[in-house]
């Protein structure tokens, strides 16, 4: 492993006090940069705080780096496995109207699929919004204090892939609850979040009117990786099928 000074010489600044390094392997979890502790994220990015404490601008910067190297660095192979699970979750619920939160420039669904009538997207990154709109897809800005431009109970299936490790506000949870149909589901994966902030997010989820089922990723594809199923009405059959999808992934490894 390189020492701290050697690694610093290999860092590239992305702005907003965020750095990344693609020129060394086995990087340390914590690195001192400009006298400040930085925390490793996605194995090669260094953040000035835990992901859930970043400002919106810092989240955009981190996601821009992640998007740029997606499909290039080997660690993103894990993303493909997790995205495949979300595709299978979609097939279980078989929704008509779908909302993806935080697609950045790589939405899971880039065209209307069989059985799905409408696909909506919402993101914090305005540049990503324009990129998605250029593909002819519907995408709206969704910041901490934003209101979704969707009718009450108009969405059957909401999902967020690699979003919940960042700060997701009570207003945003409330808005997702507002637009979700009575028998719909909101599925997100979560990892690398500190216990205290994860418990706080759980409290917010429940305060906004959601019930929740948590399924731990036994493969531990990412540190502390879990799937959260948020809903208003529990559907034992569909939750059981979702659990089977995750178990099957374990059995197939």
Foldseek 3Di string as FASTA:
>chain_A
DDDLVVVQVQWDDLDPPKIWHPPDAPDDQWHQDPNAIWGDDLRTMTHRDFQAPDDLVVVLSVVVVVVVCQVPDPLNVLVVVVLVLVVVLCVLQLWQEEEEEACQQNRSDLDADPSHNAYEYEYQDPVSCVNSVVSVHHYYYDDQQDADPAAFQQHQEYEYEPPVSYHRHLNNLLNVNRNHHQNHKYKYKYASHDPVVVVVVVVSNVVSQWDWDKAFQPVCSDHRIIMIITHNDDDVVSVVVSNVSSVVVVVVD
